[in-house]
Amino acid sequence: LRSGHVGLNRFLSRIRAVDSPLCSVCHVPETVPHYLLTCRRFIQARHALRQAVEGPLSLRSTIGNPKARTAVLEYVDATGRFQAY
């Protein structure tokens, strides 16, 4: 997640694995920040992540915080977004 080289549409479109870099729900580039922090598709999963992270959700408080590692992994699992990987 930190590198951005993950199975989200923005990266996948750069390597020509998918046609569009956009999120299929929000119609904005599907990036790591979008996936973790704002995508409407994952509101419920994000609620649990928000409870586990101290303070507001940000890249720093999630993937930049070793204490949040388990919560981030649970979020990734709950979203099912990386099933093919």
PDB file of N, CA and C in Angstrom:
ATOM      1  N   LEU A   1       0.820  -1.204   0.000  1.00  0.00           N
ATOM      2  CA  LEU A   1       0.000   0.000   0.000  1.00  0.00           C
ATOM      3  C   LEU A   1       0.856   1.257   0.000  1.00  0.00           C
ATOM      4  N   ARG A   2       1.940   1.220   0.736  1.00  0.00           N
ATOM      5  CA  ARG A   2       2.783   2.421   0.829  1.00  0.00           C
ATOM      6  C   ARG A   2       3.365   2.820  -0.518  1.00  0.00           C
ATOM      7  N   SER A   3       3.699   1.859  -1.347  1.00  0.00           N
ATOM      8  CA  SER A   3       4.313   2.169  -2.641  1.00  0.00           C
ATOM      9  C   SER A   3       3.289   2.596  -3.689  1.00  0.00           C
ATOM     10  N   GLY A   4       2.035   2.247  -3.466  1.00  0.00           N
ATOM     11  CA  GLY A   4       1.013   2.535  -4.466  1.00  0.00           C
ATOM     12  C   GLY A   4       0.962   1.511  -5.589  1.00  0.00           C
ATOM     13  N   HIS A   5       1.862   0.540  -5.547  1.00  0.00           N
ATOM     14  CA  HIS A   5       1.913  -0.495  -6.581  1.00  0.00           C
ATOM     15  C   HIS A   5       1.069  -1.681  -6.135  1.00  0.00           C
ATOM     16  N   VAL A   6      -0.223  -1.456  -6.108  1.00  0.00           N
ATOM     17  CA  VAL A   6      -1.174  -2.464  -5.639  1.00  0.00           C
ATOM     18  C   VAL A   6      -2.314  -2.575  -6.642  1.00  0.00           C
ATOM     19  N   GLY A   7      -3.170  -3.549  -6.431  1.00  0.00           N
ATOM     20  CA  GLY A   7      -4.254  -3.821  -7.364  1.00  0.00           C
ATOM     21  C   GLY A   7      -5.408  -2.847  -7.317  1.00  0.00           C
ATOM     22  N   LEU A   8      -5.108  -1.563  -7.328  1.00  0.00           N
ATOM     23  CA  LEU A   8      -6.134  -0.532  -7.438  1.00  0.00           C
ATOM     24  C   LEU A   8      -6.072   0.030  -8.857  1.00  0.00           C
ATOM     25  N   ASN A   9      -7.187   0.521  -9.348  1.00  0.00           N
ATOM     26  CA  ASN A   9      -7.283   0.885 -10.765  1.00  0.00           C
ATOM     27  C   ASN A   9      -6.258   1.907 -11.246  1.00  0.00           C
ATOM     28  N   ARG A  10      -5.864   2.835 -10.412  1.00  0.00           N
ATOM     29  CA  ARG A  10      -4.877   3.832 -10.865  1.00  0.00           C
ATOM     30  C   ARG A  10      -3.579   3.142 -11.284  1.00  0.00           C
ATOM     31  N   PHE A  11      -3.083   2.250 -10.441  1.00  0.00           N
ATOM     32  CA  PHE A  11      -1.858   1.526 -10.777  1.00  0.00           C
ATOM     33  C   PHE A  11      -2.104   0.538 -11.912  1.00  0.00           C
ATOM     34  N   LEU A  12      -3.208  -0.203 -11.838  1.00  0.00           N
ATOM     35  CA  LEU A  12      -3.496  -1.202 -12.866  1.00  0.00           C
ATOM     36  C   LEU A  12      -3.633  -0.582 -14.253  1.00  0.00           C
ATOM     37  N   SER A  13      -4.167   0.633 -14.320  1.00  0.00           N
ATOM     38  CA  SER A  13      -4.273   1.293 -15.628  1.00  0.00           C
ATOM     39  C   SER A  13      -2.895   1.728 -16.131  1.00  0.00           C
ATOM     40  N   ARG A  14      -2.002   2.072 -15.222  1.00  0.00           N
ATOM     41  CA  ARG A  14      -0.639   2.452 -15.627  1.00  0.00           C
ATOM     42  C   ARG A  14       0.102   1.287 -16.262  1.00  0.00           C
ATOM     43  N   ILE A  15      -0.176   0.075 -15.787  1.00  0.00           N
ATOM     44  CA  ILE A  15       0.483  -1.103 -16.359  1.00  0.00           C
ATOM     45  C   ILE A  15      -0.396  -1.776 -17.419  1.00  0.00           C
ATOM     46  N   ARG A  16      -1.457  -1.085 -17.799  1.00  0.00           N
ATOM     47  CA  ARG A  16      -2.394  -1.517 -18.841  1.00  0.00           C
ATOM     48  C   ARG A  16      -3.093  -2.835 -18.525  1.00  0.00           C
ATOM     49  N   ALA A  17      -3.363  -3.076 -17.241  1.00  0.00           N
ATOM     50  CA  ALA A  17      -4.109  -4.261 -16.832  1.00  0.00           C
ATOM     51  C   ALA A  17      -5.615  -3.991 -16.828  1.00  0.00           C
ATOM     52  N   VAL A  18      -5.998  -2.716 -16.700  1.00  0.00           N
ATOM     53  CA  VAL A  18      -7.401  -2.297 -16.795  1.00  0.00           C
ATOM     54  C   VAL A  18      -7.456  -1.038 -17.657  1.00  0.00           C
ATOM     55  N   ASP A  19      -8.629  -0.753 -18.174  1.00  0.00           N
ATOM     56  CA  ASP A  19      -8.773   0.407 -19.068  1.00  0.00           C
ATOM     57  C   ASP A  19      -8.857   1.738 -18.336  1.00  0.00           C
ATOM     58  N   SER A  20      -9.496   1.753 -17.179  1.00  0.00           N
ATOM     59  CA  SER A  20      -9.758   3.027 -16.509  1.00  0.00           C
ATOM     60  C   SER A  20      -9.078   3.096 -15.146  1.00  0.00           C
ATOM     61  N   PRO A  21      -8.514   4.241 -14.803  1.00  0.00           N
ATOM     62  CA  PRO A  21      -7.918   4.420 -13.479  1.00  0.00           C
ATOM     63  C   PRO A  21      -8.949   4.782 -12.409  1.00  0.00           C
ATOM     64  N   LEU A  22     -10.222   4.884 -12.808  1.00  0.00           N
ATOM     65  CA  LEU A  22     -11.240   5.399 -11.895  1.00  0.00           C
ATOM     66  C   LEU A  22     -11.865   4.319 -11.021  1.00  0.00           C
ATOM     67  N   CYS A  23     -12.256   4.723  -9.835  1.00  0.00           N
ATOM     68  CA  CYS A  23     -13.038   3.886  -8.925  1.00  0.00           C
ATOM     69  C   CYS A  23     -14.406   3.664  -9.573  1.00  0.00           C
ATOM     70  N   SER A  24     -14.892   2.443  -9.561  1.00  0.00           N
ATOM     71  CA  SER A  24     -16.167   2.139 -10.210  1.00  0.00           C
ATOM     72  C   SER A  24     -17.364   2.717  -9.464  1.00  0.00           C
ATOM     73  N   VAL A  25     -17.188   3.111  -8.226  1.00  0.00           N
ATOM     74  CA  VAL A  25     -18.277   3.676  -7.428  1.00  0.00           C
ATOM     75  C   VAL A  25     -18.220   5.200  -7.404  1.00  0.00           C
ATOM     76  N   CYS A  26     -17.055   5.749  -7.121  1.00  0.00           N
ATOM     77  CA  CYS A  26     -16.917   7.199  -6.912  1.00  0.00           C
ATOM     78  C   CYS A  26     -16.508   7.961  -8.170  1.00  0.00           C
ATOM     79  N   HIS A  27     -16.015   7.265  -9.172  1.00  0.00           N
ATOM     80  CA  HIS A  27     -15.602   7.861 -10.448  1.00  0.00           C
ATOM     81  C   HIS A  27     -14.500   8.908 -10.289  1.00  0.00           C
ATOM     82  N   VAL A  28     -13.584   8.638  -9.377  1.00  0.00           N
ATOM     83  CA  VAL A  28     -12.361   9.422  -9.197  1.00  0.00           C
ATOM     84  C   VAL A  28     -11.211   8.424  -9.267  1.00  0.00           C
ATOM     85  N   PRO A  29      -9.969   8.871  -9.475  1.00  0.00           N
ATOM     86  CA  PRO A  29      -8.863   7.917  -9.530  1.00  0.00           C
ATOM     87  C   PRO A  29      -8.823   7.026  -8.279  1.00  0.00           C
ATOM     88  N   GLU A  30      -8.781   5.715  -8.513  1.00  0.00           N
ATOM     89  CA  GLU A  30      -8.740   4.770  -7.399  1.00  0.00           C
ATOM     90  C   GLU A  30      -7.288   4.610  -6.947  1.00  0.00           C
ATOM     91  N   THR A  31      -6.910   5.429  -5.996  1.00  0.00           N
ATOM     92  CA  THR A  31      -5.570   5.448  -5.426  1.00  0.00           C
ATOM     93  C   THR A  31      -5.619   4.871  -4.020  1.00  0.00           C
ATOM     94  N   VAL A  32      -4.469   4.685  -3.421  1.00  0.00           N
ATOM     95  CA  VAL A  32      -4.425   4.214  -2.036  1.00  0.00           C
ATOM     96  C   VAL A  32      -5.145   5.189  -1.101  1.00  0.00           C
ATOM     97  N   PRO A  33      -4.889   6.501  -1.185  1.00  0.00           N
ATOM     98  CA  PRO A  33      -5.639   7.416  -0.304  1.00  0.00           C
ATOM     99  C   PRO A  33      -7.155   7.313  -0.506  1.00  0.00           C
ATOM    100  N   HIS A  34      -7.590   7.202  -1.754  1.00  0.00           N
ATOM    101  CA  HIS A  34      -9.029   7.074  -2.006  1.00  0.00           C
ATOM    102  C   HIS A  34      -9.563   5.796  -1.373  1.00  0.00           C
ATOM    103  N   TYR A  35      -8.897   4.685  -1.618  1.00  0.00           N
ATOM    104  CA  TYR A  35      -9.314   3.381  -1.085  1.00  0.00           C
ATOM    105  C   TYR A  35      -9.387   3.384   0.441  1.00  0.00           C
ATOM    106  N   LEU A  36      -8.363   3.889   1.084  1.00  0.00           N
ATOM    107  CA  LEU A  36      -8.316   3.863   2.548  1.00  0.00           C
ATOM    108  C   LEU A  36      -9.196   4.913   3.217  1.00  0.00           C
ATOM    109  N   LEU A  37      -9.291   6.087   2.620  1.00  0.00           N
ATOM    110  CA  LEU A  37      -9.840   7.228   3.352  1.00  0.00           C
ATOM    111  C   LEU A  37     -11.200   7.727   2.890  1.00  0.00           C
ATOM    112  N   THR A  38     -11.569   7.544   1.623  1.00  0.00           N
ATOM    113  CA  THR A  38     -12.782   8.219   1.157  1.00  0.00           C
ATOM    114  C   THR A  38     -13.757   7.403   0.329  1.00  0.00           C
ATOM    115  N   CYS A  39     -13.390   6.252  -0.165  1.00  0.00           N
ATOM    116  CA  CYS A  39     -14.277   5.520  -1.070  1.00  0.00           C
ATOM    117  C   CYS A  39     -15.602   5.169  -0.394  1.00  0.00           C
ATOM    118  N   ARG A  40     -16.683   5.537  -1.064  1.00  0.00           N
ATOM    119  CA  ARG A  40     -18.024   5.282  -0.517  1.00  0.00           C
ATOM    120  C   ARG A  40     -18.333   3.789  -0.431  1.00  0.00           C
ATOM    121  N   ARG A  41     -17.696   3.000  -1.265  1.00  0.00           N
ATOM    122  CA  ARG A  41     -17.950   1.553  -1.277  1.00  0.00           C
ATOM    123  C   ARG A  41     -17.558   0.898   0.051  1.00  0.00           C
ATOM    124  N   PHE A  42     -16.598   1.482   0.760  1.00  0.00           N
ATOM    125  CA  PHE A  42     -16.051   0.838   1.950  1.00  0.00           C
ATOM    126  C   PHE A  42     -16.337   1.604   3.245  1.00  0.00           C
ATOM    127  N   ILE A  43     -17.420   2.339   3.286  1.00  0.00           N
ATOM    128  CA  ILE A  43     -17.760   3.140   4.468  1.00  0.00           C
ATOM    129  C   ILE A  43     -17.835   2.275   5.719  1.00  0.00           C
ATOM    130  N   GLN A  44     -18.502   1.139   5.629  1.00  0.00           N
ATOM    131  CA  GLN A  44     -18.680   0.291   6.808  1.00  0.00           C
ATOM    132  C   GLN A  44     -17.344  -0.273   7.306  1.00  0.00           C
ATOM    133  N   ALA A  45     -16.525  -0.769   6.408  1.00  0.00           N
ATOM    134  CA  ALA A  45     -15.210  -1.294   6.800  1.00  0.00           C
ATOM    135  C   ALA A  45     -14.345  -0.182   7.382  1.00  0.00           C
ATOM    136  N   ARG A  46     -14.471   1.013   6.834  1.00  0.00           N
ATOM    137  CA  ARG A  46     -13.676   2.147   7.314  1.00  0.00           C
ATOM    138  C   ARG A  46     -14.071   2.548   8.733  1.00  0.00           C
ATOM    139  N   HIS A  47     -15.307   2.304   9.101  1.00  0.00           N
ATOM    140  CA  HIS A  47     -15.754   2.639  10.453  1.00  0.00           C
ATOM    141  C   HIS A  47     -14.911   1.884  11.491  1.00  0.00           C
ATOM    142  N   ALA A  48     -14.678   0.607  11.266  1.00  0.00           N
ATOM    143  CA  ALA A  48     -13.852  -0.180  12.189  1.00  0.00           C
ATOM    144  C   ALA A  48     -12.415   0.323  12.187  1.00  0.00           C
ATOM    145  N   LEU A  49     -11.907   0.698  11.033  1.00  0.00           N
ATOM    146  CA  LEU A  49     -10.550   1.245  10.943  1.00  0.00           C
ATOM    147  C   LEU A  49     -10.462   2.545  11.732  1.00  0.00           C
ATOM    148  N   ARG A  50     -11.459   3.392  11.579  1.00  0.00           N
ATOM    149  CA  ARG A  50     -11.479   4.683  12.279  1.00  0.00           C
ATOM    150  C   ARG A  50     -11.472   4.474  13.801  1.00  0.00           C
ATOM    151  N   GLN A  51     -12.186   3.475  14.279  1.00  0.00           N
ATOM    152  CA  GLN A  51     -12.222   3.205  15.719  1.00  0.00           C
ATOM    153  C   GLN A  51     -10.868   2.732  16.240  1.00  0.00           C
ATOM    154  N   ALA A  52     -10.119   2.029  15.399  1.00  0.00           N
ATOM    155  CA  ALA A  52      -8.834   1.482  15.830  1.00  0.00           C
ATOM    156  C   ALA A  52      -7.702   2.496  15.773  1.00  0.00           C
ATOM    157  N   VAL A  53      -7.852   3.527  14.961  1.00  0.00           N
ATOM    158  CA  VAL A  53      -6.796   4.523  14.771  1.00  0.00           C
ATOM    159  C   VAL A  53      -7.043   5.702  15.699  1.00  0.00           C
ATOM    160  N   GLU A  54      -6.010   6.123  16.378  1.00  0.00           N
ATOM    161  CA  GLU A  54      -6.126   7.278  17.265  1.00  0.00           C
ATOM    162  C   GLU A  54      -6.083   8.550  16.431  1.00  0.00           C
ATOM    163  N   GLY A  55      -7.072   9.389  16.580  1.00  0.00           N
ATOM    164  CA  GLY A  55      -7.115  10.639  15.825  1.00  0.00           C
ATOM    165  C   GLY A  55      -7.776  10.451  14.475  1.00  0.00           C
ATOM    166  N   PRO A  56      -7.728  11.485  13.643  1.00  0.00           N
ATOM    167  CA  PRO A  56      -8.384  11.417  12.334  1.00  0.00           C
ATOM    168  C   PRO A  56      -7.669  10.463  11.384  1.00  0.00           C
ATOM    169  N   LEU A  57      -8.441   9.898  10.458  1.00  0.00           N
ATOM    170  CA  LEU A  57      -7.848   9.004   9.464  1.00  0.00           C
ATOM    171  C   LEU A  57      -7.023   9.804   8.467  1.00  0.00           C
ATOM    172  N   SER A  58      -5.837   9.312   8.210  1.00  0.00           N
ATOM    173  CA  SER A  58      -4.945   9.883   7.207  1.00  0.00           C
ATOM    174  C   SER A  58      -3.996   8.768   6.793  1.00  0.00           C
ATOM    175  N   LEU A  59      -3.212   9.013   5.769  1.00  0.00           N
ATOM    176  CA  LEU A  59      -2.220   8.000   5.399  1.00  0.00           C
ATOM    177  C   LEU A  59      -1.232   7.783   6.530  1.00  0.00           C
ATOM    178  N   ARG A  60      -0.861   8.854   7.204  1.00  0.00           N
ATOM    179  CA  ARG A  60       0.092   8.737   8.311  1.00  0.00           C
ATOM    180  C   ARG A  60      -0.494   7.921   9.465  1.00  0.00           C
ATOM    181  N   SER A  61      -1.763   8.141   9.791  1.00  0.00           N
ATOM    182  CA  SER A  61      -2.360   7.439  10.931  1.00  0.00           C
ATOM    183  C   SER A  61      -2.724   5.997  10.598  1.00  0.00           C
ATOM    184  N   THR A  62      -2.710   5.641   9.318  1.00  0.00           N
ATOM    185  CA  THR A  62      -3.042   4.273   8.935  1.00  0.00           C
ATOM    186  C   THR A  62      -1.781   3.530   8.504  1.00  0.00           C
ATOM    187  N   ILE A  63      -1.360   3.684   7.266  1.00  0.00           N
ATOM    188  CA  ILE A  63      -0.206   2.901   6.800  1.00  0.00           C
ATOM    189  C   ILE A  63       1.120   3.431   7.310  1.00  0.00           C
ATOM    190  N   GLY A  64       1.142   4.633   7.839  1.00  0.00           N
ATOM    191  CA  GLY A  64       2.373   5.183   8.399  1.00  0.00           C
ATOM    192  C   GLY A  64       2.512   4.941   9.888  1.00  0.00           C
ATOM    193  N   ASN A  65       1.583   4.202  10.470  1.00  0.00           N
ATOM    194  CA  ASN A  65       1.548   4.001  11.913  1.00  0.00           C
ATOM    195  C   ASN A  65       1.666   2.510  12.235  1.00  0.00           C
ATOM    196  N   PRO A  66       2.800   2.065  12.770  1.00  0.00           N
ATOM    197  CA  PRO A  66       2.954   0.646  13.094  1.00  0.00           C
ATOM    198  C   PRO A  66       1.875   0.123  14.043  1.00  0.00           C
ATOM    199  N   LYS A  67       1.355   0.967  14.915  1.00  0.00           N
ATOM    200  CA  LYS A  67       0.305   0.540  15.847  1.00  0.00           C
ATOM    201  C   LYS A  67      -1.007   0.229  15.130  1.00  0.00           C
ATOM    202  N   ALA A  68      -1.190   0.768  13.937  1.00  0.00           N
ATOM    203  CA  ALA A  68      -2.429   0.564  13.186  1.00  0.00           C
ATOM    204  C   ALA A  68      -2.331  -0.597  12.199  1.00  0.00           C
ATOM    205  N   ARG A  69      -1.211  -1.264  12.158  1.00  0.00           N
ATOM    206  CA  ARG A  69      -0.980  -2.316  11.158  1.00  0.00           C
ATOM    207  C   ARG A  69      -2.086  -3.371  11.147  1.00  0.00           C
ATOM    208  N   THR A  70      -2.461  -3.886  12.305  1.00  0.00           N
ATOM    209  CA  THR A  70      -3.501  -4.909  12.371  1.00  0.00           C
ATOM    210  C   THR A  70      -4.826  -4.372  11.864  1.00  0.00           C
ATOM    211  N   ALA A  71      -5.166  -3.155  12.252  1.00  0.00           N
ATOM    212  CA  ALA A  71      -6.428  -2.550  11.813  1.00  0.00           C
ATOM    213  C   ALA A  71      -6.453  -2.363  10.298  1.00  0.00           C
ATOM    214  N   VAL A  72      -5.331  -1.974   9.717  1.00  0.00           N
ATOM    215  CA  VAL A  72      -5.263  -1.798   8.261  1.00  0.00           C
ATOM    216  C   VAL A  72      -5.419  -3.150   7.567  1.00  0.00           C
ATOM    217  N   LEU A  73      -4.758  -4.177   8.072  1.00  0.00           N
ATOM    218  CA  LEU A  73      -4.893  -5.508   7.476  1.00  0.00           C
ATOM    219  C   LEU A  73      -6.325  -6.020   7.585  1.00  0.00           C
ATOM    220  N   GLU A  74      -6.979  -5.750   8.698  1.00  0.00           N
ATOM    221  CA  GLU A  74      -8.382  -6.141   8.857  1.00  0.00           C
ATOM    222  C   GLU A  74      -9.274  -5.372   7.885  1.00  0.00           C
ATOM    223  N   TYR A  75      -8.965  -4.103   7.652  1.00  0.00           N
ATOM    224  CA  TYR A  75      -9.712  -3.296   6.684  1.00  0.00           C
ATOM    225  C   TYR A  75      -9.557  -3.885   5.281  1.00  0.00           C
ATOM    226  N   VAL A  76      -8.324  -4.183   4.897  1.00  0.00           N
ATOM    227  CA  VAL A  76      -8.064  -4.760   3.577  1.00  0.00           C
ATOM    228  C   VAL A  76      -8.835  -6.067   3.426  1.00  0.00           C
ATOM    229  N   ASP A  77      -8.816  -6.897   4.448  1.00  0.00           N
ATOM    230  CA  ASP A  77      -9.540  -8.164   4.411  1.00  0.00           C
ATOM    231  C   ASP A  77     -11.049  -7.929   4.317  1.00  0.00           C
ATOM    232  N   ALA A  78     -11.562  -7.000   5.117  1.00  0.00           N
ATOM    233  CA  ALA A  78     -13.006  -6.722   5.133  1.00  0.00           C
ATOM    234  C   ALA A  78     -13.508  -6.177   3.802  1.00  0.00           C
ATOM    235  N   THR A  79     -12.685  -5.405   3.107  1.00  0.00           N
ATOM    236  CA  THR A  79     -13.127  -4.833   1.836  1.00  0.00           C
ATOM    237  C   THR A  79     -13.138  -5.862   0.715  1.00  0.00           C
ATOM    238  N   GLY A  80     -12.305  -6.888   0.832  1.00  0.00           N
ATOM    239  CA  GLY A  80     -12.223  -7.895  -0.215  1.00  0.00           C
ATOM    240  C   GLY A  80     -11.683  -7.350  -1.533  1.00  0.00           C
ATOM    241  N   ARG A  81     -11.102  -6.193  -1.507  1.00  0.00           N
ATOM    242  CA  ARG A  81     -10.664  -5.515  -2.733  1.00  0.00           C
ATOM    243  C   ARG A  81      -9.490  -6.212  -3.409  1.00  0.00           C
ATOM    244  N   PHE A  82      -8.692  -6.952  -2.675  1.00  0.00           N
ATOM    245  CA  PHE A  82      -7.498  -7.575  -3.245  1.00  0.00           C
ATOM    246  C   PHE A  82      -7.625  -9.092  -3.308  1.00  0.00           C
ATOM    247  N   GLN A  83      -8.808  -9.598  -3.559  1.00  0.00           N
ATOM    248  CA  GLN A  83      -9.043 -11.041  -3.600  1.00  0.00           C
ATOM    249  C   GLN A  83      -8.173 -11.755  -4.629  1.00  0.00           C
ATOM    250  N   ALA A  84      -7.899 -11.101  -5.744  1.00  0.00           N
ATOM    251  CA  ALA A  84      -7.128 -11.742  -6.812  1.00  0.00           C
ATOM    252  C   ALA A  84      -5.631 -11.723  -6.547  1.00  0.00           C
ATOM    253  N   TYR A  85      -5.209 -11.079  -5.455  1.00  0.00           N
ATOM    254  CA  TYR A  85      -3.777 -10.906  -5.218  1.00  0.00           C
ATOM    255  C   TYR A  85      -3.314 -11.684  -4.047  1.00  0.00           C
TER     256      TYR A  85
END
